[in-house]
Amino acid sequence: LGAFTIQPSEIAKIGIILAFASMICARRGRMKSFRYGILPFAAILAAIVGLLVLEPHFSASIIIVAIGGVMLFLGGARLVWFIAAAVAAGGGIAVLLTMFPYASTRITTWRDPFASTSDEGYQIVQSLYSIGSGGLTGLGQSRQKYLYLPEEHNDFIFSVVCEELGFIGALLILTLFALLIIRGYWIALHSTDRYGFLVAAGITTLLAIQVILNVAVVTNLVPCTGISLPFFSYGGTALLMQMAEMGIVLSISRDLPAGRVGG
């Protein structure tokens, strides 16, 4: 947009949380019905994910569908709809793998990245080299980020963190993330109203999903999906939205009873 760029999917993530929380509160007594508890939410998700698939931007699609499902689960939707959605998602993934060959290539690479170290498996192999090079305490500086590891400033920044800070530093960062996530859920559970509970739980779940998937990708536990690490990865829109999300959670915590704030 002129002199600057934005990533709409980052805005859509928090938008889904706020919109779904409001809709769930308005339909509190009718969330178990398909007409009120599933159909309008599914329509919103389908519209957003449809646009993301056209980019294509599968990582954001995965996150938005996951966070939408979590919000519906917390809102009281019937379990049978989640089972049906899981079956449909399996069929959808099969179709996507057929329509987009590079997606199936990522799964093949995930299974054995060292079979193509100079081609499809190059990035994940370099990521594993970065993590392994850090040792216990790290090197103090990263060598892999100098034209060896692609996307070292974005999706694979945790690999650089492991190389520079070692196992101890990486474990400390993951511990801080865990404490932040636990605190977010604590605030949600002690919220004084249903809307605050849903928003705080949704934002915390969004943070947890992104941290878990990013670390899983750089360590080759799951196929590469291009998910950034919150507060670390490059991206102005993402950072701005994440800081706004933390501000919302803090705002919810201000309404907690005085005796519970420091619990």
Protein backbone atom coordinates (compact mmCIF):
# COMPACT_ATOMS: atom_id res chain seq x y z
CA LEU A 1 0.00 0.00 0.00
CA GLY A 2 2.11 2.85 -1.29
CA ALA A 3 5.24 3.11 0.85
CA PHE A 4 4.44 0.17 3.14
CA THR A 5 3.10 -3.38 3.00
CA ILE A 6 0.77 -5.35 5.25
CA GLN A 7 -0.06 -9.04 5.70
CA PRO A 8 -3.89 -9.34 5.85
CA SER A 9 -3.78 -12.90 7.22
CA GLU A 10 -2.24 -11.61 10.47
CA ILE A 11 -5.19 -9.25 10.90
CA ALA A 12 -7.59 -12.08 10.03
CA LYS A 13 -6.25 -14.24 12.89
CA ILE A 14 -7.21 -11.80 15.63
CA GLY A 15 -10.31 -10.85 13.65
CA ILE A 16 -11.54 -14.45 13.77
CA ILE A 17 -11.01 -14.58 17.54
CA LEU A 18 -12.86 -11.34 18.26
CA ALA A 19 -15.70 -12.03 15.81
CA PHE A 20 -16.24 -15.63 16.93
CA ALA A 21 -16.17 -14.64 20.61
CA SER A 22 -18.86 -12.02 20.00
CA MET A 23 -20.99 -14.39 17.90
CA ILE A 24 -20.70 -17.20 20.45
CA CYS A 25 -21.84 -14.90 23.25
CA ALA A 26 -24.81 -13.77 21.15
CA ARG A 27 -25.78 -17.41 20.41
CA ARG A 28 -24.99 -18.84 23.81
CA GLY A 29 -28.13 -20.95 24.08
CA ARG A 30 -28.07 -22.14 20.47
CA MET A 31 -24.45 -23.20 19.92
CA LYS A 32 -25.34 -26.91 19.78
CA SER A 33 -27.52 -26.45 16.70
CA PHE A 34 -26.03 -26.65 13.21
CA ARG A 35 -27.86 -23.56 11.98
CA TYR A 36 -26.58 -21.21 14.68
CA GLY A 37 -23.57 -23.03 16.13
CA ILE A 38 -21.78 -24.16 12.97
CA LEU A 39 -23.12 -22.71 9.71
CA PRO A 40 -22.33 -18.98 10.17
CA PHE A 41 -18.87 -19.73 11.58
CA ALA A 42 -18.08 -22.21 8.80
CA ALA A 43 -19.11 -19.64 6.19
CA ILE A 44 -16.68 -17.07 7.60
CA LEU A 45 -13.84 -19.60 7.77
CA ALA A 46 -14.54 -20.81 4.23
CA ALA A 47 -14.41 -17.26 2.83
CA ILE A 48 -11.12 -16.42 4.55
CA VAL A 49 -9.43 -19.76 3.88
CA GLY A 50 -10.60 -19.67 0.26
CA LEU A 51 -8.79 -16.37 -0.27
CA LEU A 52 -5.67 -17.69 1.48
CA VAL A 53 -5.58 -20.84 -0.66
CA LEU A 54 -5.64 -18.65 -3.78
CA GLU A 55 -2.39 -16.94 -2.70
CA PRO A 56 -1.47 -19.79 -1.79
CA HIS A 57 -0.80 -19.37 1.95
CA PHE A 58 -1.44 -22.75 3.53
CA SER A 59 0.24 -22.02 6.86
CA ALA A 60 -2.15 -19.17 7.66
CA SER A 61 -5.05 -21.36 6.49
CA ILE A 62 -4.04 -24.09 8.93
CA ILE A 63 -3.77 -21.64 11.83
CA ILE A 64 -7.08 -19.90 11.11
CA VAL A 65 -8.98 -23.19 10.78
CA ALA A 66 -7.38 -24.46 13.99
CA ILE A 67 -8.16 -21.33 15.98
CA GLY A 68 -11.71 -21.28 14.60
CA GLY A 69 -12.19 -24.88 15.73
CA VAL A 70 -10.86 -24.08 19.20
CA MET A 71 -13.21 -21.12 19.54
CA LEU A 72 -16.20 -23.27 18.56
CA PHE A 73 -15.15 -26.00 20.98
CA LEU A 74 -14.87 -23.48 23.82
CA GLY A 75 -18.20 -21.99 22.75
CA GLY A 76 -20.02 -25.28 23.27
CA ALA A 77 -20.46 -26.67 19.75
CA ARG A 78 -21.33 -30.38 19.59
CA LEU A 79 -18.43 -32.84 19.35
CA VAL A 80 -19.96 -34.64 16.36
CA TRP A 81 -19.36 -31.57 14.18
CA PHE A 82 -15.64 -31.67 14.99
CA ILE A 83 -15.46 -35.33 13.96
CA ALA A 84 -17.17 -34.50 10.68
CA ALA A 85 -14.83 -31.54 10.17
CA ALA A 86 -11.78 -33.76 10.76
CA VAL A 87 -12.97 -36.20 8.10
CA ALA A 88 -13.64 -33.34 5.67
CA ALA A 89 -10.23 -31.83 6.43
CA GLY A 90 -8.57 -35.13 5.60
CA GLY A 91 -10.30 -35.18 2.23
CA GLY A 92 -9.42 -31.54 1.64
CA ILE A 93 -5.75 -32.16 2.35
CA ALA A 94 -5.75 -35.03 -0.14
CA VAL A 95 -7.23 -32.74 -2.79
CA LEU A 96 -4.72 -29.98 -2.06
CA LEU A 97 -1.82 -32.41 -2.35
CA THR A 98 -3.11 -33.36 -5.79
CA MET A 99 -3.74 -29.79 -6.95
CA PHE A 100 -0.47 -28.36 -5.58
CA PRO A 101 2.44 -30.76 -6.24
CA TYR A 102 4.87 -28.71 -4.15
CA ALA A 103 2.80 -29.54 -1.06
CA SER A 104 3.31 -33.29 -1.56
CA THR A 105 7.00 -32.61 -2.23
CA ARG A 106 7.27 -31.06 1.23
CA ILE A 107 5.94 -34.23 2.84
CA THR A 108 8.43 -36.35 0.90
CA THR A 109 11.23 -34.01 1.97
CA TRP A 110 10.08 -34.12 5.59
CA ARG A 111 10.32 -37.90 5.64
CA ASP A 112 13.94 -37.89 4.42
CA PRO A 113 15.49 -34.41 4.03
CA PHE A 114 19.00 -35.82 3.60
CA ALA A 115 17.93 -37.56 0.39
CA SER A 116 18.06 -34.18 -1.41
CA THR A 117 20.45 -32.00 0.59
CA SER A 118 21.10 -29.66 -2.34
CA ASP A 119 17.50 -29.34 -3.49
CA GLU A 120 14.17 -29.71 -1.61
CA GLY A 121 15.82 -30.82 1.63
CA TYR A 122 18.42 -28.05 1.67
CA GLN A 123 16.59 -25.70 4.04
CA ILE A 124 15.68 -28.22 6.73
CA VAL A 125 19.15 -29.81 6.57
CA GLN A 126 20.77 -26.41 7.11
CA SER A 127 18.32 -25.80 9.96
CA LEU A 128 19.37 -29.04 11.66
CA TYR A 129 23.02 -28.10 11.17
CA SER A 130 22.32 -24.77 12.89
CA ILE A 131 20.61 -26.39 15.85
CA GLY A 132 23.32 -29.01 16.24
CA SER A 133 26.15 -26.48 15.95
CA GLY A 134 24.90 -24.54 18.97
CA GLY A 135 25.85 -27.28 21.40
CA LEU A 136 25.12 -26.70 25.07
CA THR A 137 25.87 -22.99 25.42
CA GLY A 138 26.04 -21.72 21.83
CA LEU A 139 28.65 -20.08 19.67
CA GLY A 140 27.75 -16.50 20.51
CA GLN A 141 27.22 -15.89 16.82
CA SER A 142 25.61 -17.74 13.94
CA ARG A 143 27.45 -18.86 10.82
CA GLN A 144 24.45 -20.49 9.15
CA LYS A 145 22.62 -17.19 8.71
CA TYR A 146 25.29 -15.99 6.26
CA LEU A 147 23.75 -17.31 3.02
CA TYR A 148 23.51 -20.91 4.24
CA LEU A 149 20.12 -21.10 5.95
CA PRO A 150 17.24 -19.67 3.87
CA GLU A 151 14.63 -17.53 5.66
CA GLU A 152 16.90 -17.28 8.69
CA HIS A 153 15.27 -13.98 9.70
CA ASN A 154 11.73 -15.28 9.47
CA ASP A 155 10.42 -18.87 9.59
CA PHE A 156 13.75 -20.40 10.66
CA ILE A 157 14.93 -17.80 13.16
CA PHE A 158 14.69 -20.32 16.00
CA SER A 159 17.46 -22.33 14.34
CA VAL A 160 19.70 -19.27 14.53
CA VAL A 161 18.71 -18.78 18.17
CA CYS A 162 19.76 -22.38 18.90
CA GLU A 163 23.11 -21.84 17.17
CA GLU A 164 23.84 -18.58 18.97
CA LEU A 165 22.52 -19.43 22.44
CA GLY A 166 22.81 -23.21 22.46
CA PHE A 167 20.57 -25.72 24.18
CA ILE A 168 20.40 -23.69 27.40
CA GLY A 169 19.37 -20.47 25.65
CA ALA A 170 16.81 -22.21 23.44
CA LEU A 171 15.34 -23.99 26.46
CA LEU A 172 15.09 -20.67 28.33
CA ILE A 173 13.18 -19.08 25.44
CA LEU A 174 10.79 -22.03 25.21
CA THR A 175 10.28 -21.84 28.97
CA LEU A 176 9.36 -18.15 28.70
CA PHE A 177 6.88 -18.98 25.95
CA ALA A 178 5.40 -21.75 28.11
CA LEU A 179 5.01 -19.39 31.08
CA LEU A 180 3.34 -16.78 28.86
CA ILE A 181 0.92 -19.38 27.49
CA ILE A 182 0.13 -20.74 30.97
CA ARG A 183 -0.47 -17.22 32.25
CA GLY A 184 -2.76 -16.48 29.30
CA TYR A 185 -4.92 -19.50 30.04
CA TRP A 186 -4.92 -18.60 33.75
CA ILE A 187 -6.27 -15.16 32.89
CA ALA A 188 -8.91 -16.72 30.64
CA LEU A 189 -10.07 -19.17 33.29
CA HIS A 190 -10.39 -16.41 35.88
CA SER A 191 -12.10 -13.94 33.55
CA THR A 192 -15.26 -12.39 34.94
CA ASP A 193 -17.29 -12.69 31.72
CA ARG A 194 -17.73 -15.15 28.87
CA TYR A 195 -16.46 -12.80 26.17
CA GLY A 196 -13.24 -12.11 28.06
CA PHE A 197 -12.73 -15.84 28.59
CA LEU A 198 -13.17 -16.62 24.89
CA VAL A 199 -10.90 -13.80 23.69
CA ALA A 200 -8.11 -14.54 26.18
CA ALA A 201 -8.27 -18.28 25.50
CA GLY A 202 -8.34 -17.71 21.74
CA ILE A 203 -5.34 -15.36 21.73
CA THR A 204 -3.36 -17.68 24.00
CA THR A 205 -4.20 -20.67 21.81
CA LEU A 206 -3.11 -18.74 18.71
CA LEU A 207 0.23 -18.01 20.38
CA ALA A 208 0.63 -21.64 21.44
CA ILE A 209 -0.17 -23.00 17.97
CA GLN A 210 2.36 -20.74 16.27
CA VAL A 211 5.15 -21.48 18.76
CA ILE A 212 4.61 -25.24 18.67
CA LEU A 213 4.35 -25.46 14.88
CA ASN A 214 7.33 -23.18 14.24
CA VAL A 215 9.62 -25.13 16.56
CA ALA A 216 8.30 -28.42 15.14
CA VAL A 217 9.07 -27.26 11.58
CA VAL A 218 12.66 -26.12 12.23
CA THR A 219 13.41 -29.40 14.04
CA ASN A 220 11.72 -31.42 11.23
CA LEU A 221 9.04 -32.88 13.49
CA VAL A 222 6.39 -31.79 10.98
CA PRO A 223 6.53 -30.85 7.26
CA CYS A 224 7.60 -27.28 6.45
CA THR A 225 4.61 -24.95 6.68
CA GLY A 226 6.13 -21.46 6.76
CA ILE A 227 4.82 -20.43 10.19
CA SER A 228 6.68 -17.61 11.91
CA LEU A 229 7.83 -17.54 15.54
CA PRO A 230 5.88 -14.92 17.56
CA PHE A 231 7.90 -11.88 18.70
CA PHE A 232 11.06 -13.17 16.97
CA SER A 233 10.39 -13.57 13.25
CA TYR A 234 10.68 -10.64 10.86
CA GLY A 235 7.36 -9.07 9.89
CA GLY A 236 5.90 -5.75 10.90
CA THR A 237 2.23 -6.68 10.63
CA ALA A 238 2.71 -9.86 12.64
CA LEU A 239 4.62 -8.10 15.41
CA LEU A 240 2.10 -5.27 15.57
CA MET A 241 -0.81 -7.71 15.84
CA GLN A 242 0.97 -9.83 18.46
CA MET A 243 1.66 -6.80 20.64
CA ALA A 244 -1.97 -5.73 20.25
CA GLU A 245 -3.09 -9.23 21.26
CA MET A 246 -0.97 -9.11 24.41
CA GLY A 247 -2.49 -5.72 25.15
CA ILE A 248 -5.97 -7.20 24.88
CA VAL A 249 -5.06 -10.02 27.28
CA LEU A 250 -3.62 -7.49 29.74
CA SER A 251 -6.82 -5.46 29.45
CA ILE A 252 -8.84 -8.56 30.34
CA SER A 253 -6.56 -9.22 33.31
CA ARG A 254 -7.27 -5.72 34.66
CA ASP A 255 -10.89 -6.72 35.23
CA LEU A 256 -9.96 -9.71 37.39
CA PRO A 257 -10.82 -9.49 41.11
CA ALA A 258 -7.96 -7.94 43.11
CA GLY A 259 -7.19 -11.19 44.93
CA ARG A 260 -6.74 -13.13 41.68
CA VAL A 261 -4.49 -10.81 39.67
CA GLY A 262 -1.30 -12.06 41.25
CA GLY A 263 -2.37 -15.73 41.46
